[in-house]
Each structure stands twice: as C-alpha cells, then as structure tokens.
C-alpha cells in the first residue's frame, strides 16, 4: 500500500489534466458520490428496475415481499 508521501510524490508526476481529473474524483468521494464524473449511464440500463412499483402495491408491502424473497434464497 502506498503511503501518503508516496502518493504526493506520484501526483507530482501527473500532467495538469490528470491532476484536475484526480481532484474531481476526490471531490466526488467527499460528496459521497462514488461514481466517477466520466461514468454516465444509459437510460436503458434501468429497464425493469422497480417495474412493480408502477402498480398499486403498498410500498411497505413491496419491501416486505422483497425481504421475504431474499430470505427464501439458498
């Protein structure tokens, strides 16, 4: 594992553009956003997620059912 001093030394070898990218990544992690800014999602990736939420199912019943399904897994 690199020490703090090792990291600082490696940063000095980065180009200005790489340093700016590194700053963005660090800022995102401080804000709790672990997705790098260059990572974008296609809307089609979300197809089928929470599909049953569109019906009239009570949210608490939905969560309970999901937990029961999880408990039934081997």
N, C-alpha and C. Protein backbone atom coordinates (compact mmCIF):
# COMPACT_ATOMS: atom_id res chain seq x y z
N UNK A 1 0.84 -1.18 0.00
CA UNK A 1 0.00 0.00 0.00
C UNK A 1 0.89 1.25 0.00
N UNK A 2 0.48 2.21 -0.78
CA UNK A 2 1.26 3.45 -0.87
C UNK A 2 1.05 4.31 0.37
N UNK A 3 2.10 4.94 0.80
CA UNK A 3 1.99 5.88 1.92
C UNK A 3 1.52 7.23 1.38
N UNK A 4 1.17 8.09 2.28
CA UNK A 4 0.77 9.45 1.91
C UNK A 4 1.87 10.13 1.11
N UNK A 5 3.10 10.02 1.58
CA UNK A 5 4.24 10.64 0.88
C UNK A 5 4.45 10.05 -0.50
N UNK A 6 4.24 8.74 -0.64
CA UNK A 6 4.35 8.11 -1.96
C UNK A 6 3.31 8.69 -2.92
N UNK A 7 2.11 8.87 -2.41
CA UNK A 7 1.03 9.41 -3.24
C UNK A 7 1.34 10.84 -3.67
N UNK A 8 1.81 11.65 -2.74
CA UNK A 8 2.16 13.04 -3.07
C UNK A 8 3.25 13.06 -4.13
N UNK A 9 4.22 12.19 -4.01
CA UNK A 9 5.31 12.13 -4.98
C UNK A 9 4.77 11.71 -6.36
N UNK A 10 3.85 10.75 -6.39
CA UNK A 10 3.27 10.32 -7.66
C UNK A 10 2.43 11.42 -8.30
N UNK A 11 1.73 12.19 -7.48
CA UNK A 11 0.91 13.28 -8.01
C UNK A 11 1.78 14.29 -8.76
N UNK A 12 2.96 14.52 -8.26
CA UNK A 12 3.85 15.50 -8.93
C UNK A 12 4.24 15.03 -10.32
N UNK A 13 4.10 13.78 -10.61
CA UNK A 13 4.46 13.25 -11.93
C UNK A 13 3.28 13.31 -12.92
N UNK A 14 2.10 13.64 -12.44
CA UNK A 14 0.93 13.70 -13.31
C UNK A 14 0.93 14.96 -14.14
N UNK A 15 0.27 14.87 -15.30
CA UNK A 15 0.08 16.07 -16.11
C UNK A 15 -0.98 16.94 -15.42
N UNK A 16 -1.09 18.18 -15.86
CA UNK A 16 -2.07 19.10 -15.29
C UNK A 16 -3.49 18.54 -15.48
N UNK A 17 -3.76 17.99 -16.65
CA UNK A 17 -5.08 17.43 -16.92
C UNK A 17 -5.37 16.24 -15.97
N UNK A 18 -4.39 15.41 -15.75
CA UNK A 18 -4.57 14.27 -14.84
C UNK A 18 -4.80 14.74 -13.40
N UNK A 19 -4.13 15.82 -13.02
CA UNK A 19 -4.33 16.37 -11.67
C UNK A 19 -5.74 16.91 -11.50
N UNK A 20 -6.26 17.56 -12.53
CA UNK A 20 -7.63 18.08 -12.48
C UNK A 20 -8.61 16.92 -12.37
N UNK A 21 -8.39 15.87 -13.14
CA UNK A 21 -9.25 14.68 -13.06
C UNK A 21 -9.21 14.07 -11.67
N UNK A 22 -8.02 14.00 -11.10
CA UNK A 22 -7.86 13.46 -9.76
C UNK A 22 -8.62 14.30 -8.74
N UNK A 23 -8.54 15.61 -8.88
CA UNK A 23 -9.28 16.50 -7.98
C UNK A 23 -10.78 16.25 -8.06
N UNK A 24 -11.27 16.04 -9.27
CA UNK A 24 -12.71 15.76 -9.44
C UNK A 24 -13.10 14.46 -8.75
N UNK A 25 -12.28 13.44 -8.90
CA UNK A 25 -12.57 12.16 -8.26
C UNK A 25 -12.57 12.31 -6.74
N UNK A 26 -11.60 13.02 -6.22
CA UNK A 26 -11.51 13.24 -4.77
C UNK A 26 -12.72 14.04 -4.30
N UNK A 27 -13.10 15.08 -5.02
CA UNK A 27 -14.27 15.89 -4.64
C UNK A 27 -15.53 15.05 -4.64
N UNK A 28 -15.68 14.18 -5.62
CA UNK A 28 -16.86 13.32 -5.69
C UNK A 28 -16.93 12.36 -4.50
N UNK A 29 -15.76 11.85 -4.08
CA UNK A 29 -15.78 10.94 -2.95
C UNK A 29 -16.11 11.68 -1.66
N UNK A 30 -15.70 12.94 -1.56
CA UNK A 30 -16.02 13.73 -0.37
C UNK A 30 -17.50 14.05 -0.30
N UNK A 31 -18.14 14.17 -1.46
CA UNK A 31 -19.56 14.46 -1.51
C UNK A 31 -20.40 13.20 -1.38
N UNK A 32 -19.74 12.05 -1.30
CA UNK A 32 -20.47 10.79 -1.18
C UNK A 32 -20.88 10.20 -2.51
N UNK A 33 -20.42 10.76 -3.58
CA UNK A 33 -20.73 10.26 -4.91
C UNK A 33 -19.55 9.42 -5.38
N UNK A 34 -19.71 8.10 -5.36
CA UNK A 34 -18.60 7.21 -5.70
C UNK A 34 -18.47 6.96 -7.19
N UNK A 35 -19.37 7.50 -7.99
CA UNK A 35 -19.31 7.29 -9.42
C UNK A 35 -18.42 8.37 -10.03
N UNK A 36 -17.36 7.98 -10.72
CA UNK A 36 -16.50 8.98 -11.34
C UNK A 36 -17.31 9.85 -12.30
N UNK A 37 -16.96 11.14 -12.44
CA UNK A 37 -17.76 12.03 -13.27
C UNK A 37 -17.82 11.61 -14.74
N UNK A 38 -16.85 10.85 -15.22
CA UNK A 38 -16.86 10.45 -16.62
C UNK A 38 -17.81 9.27 -16.87
N UNK A 39 -18.29 8.62 -15.80
CA UNK A 39 -19.18 7.46 -15.96
C UNK A 39 -20.61 7.94 -16.09
N UNK A 40 -21.20 7.73 -17.25
CA UNK A 40 -22.59 8.09 -17.48
C UNK A 40 -23.36 6.82 -17.75
N UNK A 41 -24.62 6.82 -17.36
CA UNK A 41 -25.47 5.66 -17.57
C UNK A 41 -26.41 5.90 -18.74
N UNK A 42 -26.68 4.84 -19.44
CA UNK A 42 -27.68 4.87 -20.49
C UNK A 42 -29.02 4.57 -19.83
N UNK A 43 -30.05 5.27 -20.19
CA UNK A 43 -31.36 5.09 -19.59
C UNK A 43 -31.86 3.65 -19.74
N UNK A 44 -31.42 2.97 -20.78
CA UNK A 44 -31.85 1.59 -20.99
C UNK A 44 -31.28 0.62 -19.95
N UNK A 45 -30.23 1.03 -19.23
CA UNK A 45 -29.68 0.19 -18.17
C UNK A 45 -30.67 0.01 -17.03
N UNK A 46 -31.60 0.92 -16.92
CA UNK A 46 -32.55 0.88 -15.81
C UNK A 46 -33.83 0.13 -16.15
N UNK A 47 -33.90 -0.43 -17.33
CA UNK A 47 -35.09 -1.15 -17.76
C UNK A 47 -35.41 -2.29 -16.79
N UNK A 48 -36.63 -2.32 -16.32
CA UNK A 48 -37.08 -3.39 -15.44
C UNK A 48 -36.85 -3.15 -13.97
N UNK A 49 -36.09 -2.13 -13.61
CA UNK A 49 -35.84 -1.84 -12.20
C UNK A 49 -37.11 -1.27 -11.60
N UNK A 50 -37.54 -1.89 -10.53
CA UNK A 50 -38.74 -1.46 -9.80
C UNK A 50 -39.97 -1.43 -10.70
N UNK A 51 -40.05 -2.39 -11.61
CA UNK A 51 -41.17 -2.41 -12.54
C UNK A 51 -42.51 -2.55 -11.81
N UNK A 52 -42.52 -3.28 -10.71
CA UNK A 52 -43.78 -3.49 -9.99
C UNK A 52 -44.23 -2.26 -9.21
N UNK A 53 -43.37 -1.29 -9.05
CA UNK A 53 -43.76 -0.09 -8.29
C UNK A 53 -44.80 0.74 -9.02
N UNK A 54 -44.96 0.50 -10.31
CA UNK A 54 -45.93 1.26 -11.08
C UNK A 54 -47.36 0.81 -10.77
N UNK A 55 -47.52 -0.40 -10.22
CA UNK A 55 -48.88 -0.83 -9.89
C UNK A 55 -49.29 -0.25 -8.54
N UNK A 56 -50.38 -0.70 -8.00
CA UNK A 56 -50.93 -0.11 -6.78
C UNK A 56 -50.44 -0.78 -5.50
N UNK A 57 -49.31 -1.47 -5.55
CA UNK A 57 -48.79 -2.16 -4.37
C UNK A 57 -48.31 -1.14 -3.32
N UNK A 58 -48.69 -1.38 -2.08
CA UNK A 58 -48.25 -0.53 -0.98
C UNK A 58 -46.72 -0.64 -0.84
N UNK A 59 -46.03 0.48 -0.69
CA UNK A 59 -44.56 0.43 -0.61
C UNK A 59 -44.06 -0.47 0.52
N UNK A 60 -44.70 -0.43 1.68
CA UNK A 60 -44.25 -1.28 2.79
C UNK A 60 -44.45 -2.76 2.46
N UNK A 61 -45.56 -3.09 1.80
CA UNK A 61 -45.78 -4.48 1.37
C UNK A 61 -44.73 -4.90 0.35
N UNK A 62 -44.36 -3.99 -0.51
CA UNK A 62 -43.34 -4.28 -1.52
C UNK A 62 -42.00 -4.61 -0.84
N UNK A 63 -41.61 -3.80 0.13
CA UNK A 63 -40.35 -4.04 0.85
C UNK A 63 -40.42 -5.36 1.59
N UNK A 64 -41.53 -5.61 2.25
CA UNK A 64 -41.69 -6.87 2.99
C UNK A 64 -41.57 -8.08 2.06
N UNK A 65 -42.20 -7.99 0.88
CA UNK A 65 -42.15 -9.08 -0.08
C UNK A 65 -40.72 -9.29 -0.56
N UNK A 66 -40.00 -8.21 -0.84
CA UNK A 66 -38.61 -8.33 -1.28
C UNK A 66 -37.74 -8.99 -0.21
N UNK A 67 -37.96 -8.61 1.04
CA UNK A 67 -37.19 -9.23 2.13
C UNK A 67 -37.51 -10.71 2.26
N UNK A 68 -38.79 -11.06 2.10
CA UNK A 68 -39.18 -12.46 2.17
C UNK A 68 -38.54 -13.26 1.03
N UNK A 69 -38.51 -12.67 -0.17
CA UNK A 69 -37.87 -13.34 -1.31
C UNK A 69 -36.39 -13.55 -1.04
N UNK A 70 -35.74 -12.56 -0.43
CA UNK A 70 -34.32 -12.67 -0.12
C UNK A 70 -34.07 -13.79 0.89
N UNK A 71 -34.94 -13.87 1.90
CA UNK A 71 -34.79 -14.90 2.93
C UNK A 71 -34.99 -16.29 2.38
N UNK A 72 -35.74 -16.43 1.31
CA UNK A 72 -36.03 -17.74 0.72
C UNK A 72 -34.91 -18.23 -0.17
N UNK A 73 -33.96 -17.36 -0.51
CA UNK A 73 -32.87 -17.77 -1.39
C UNK A 73 -31.94 -18.74 -0.66
N UNK A 74 -31.37 -19.70 -1.43
CA UNK A 74 -30.46 -20.69 -0.80
C UNK A 74 -29.15 -20.09 -0.37
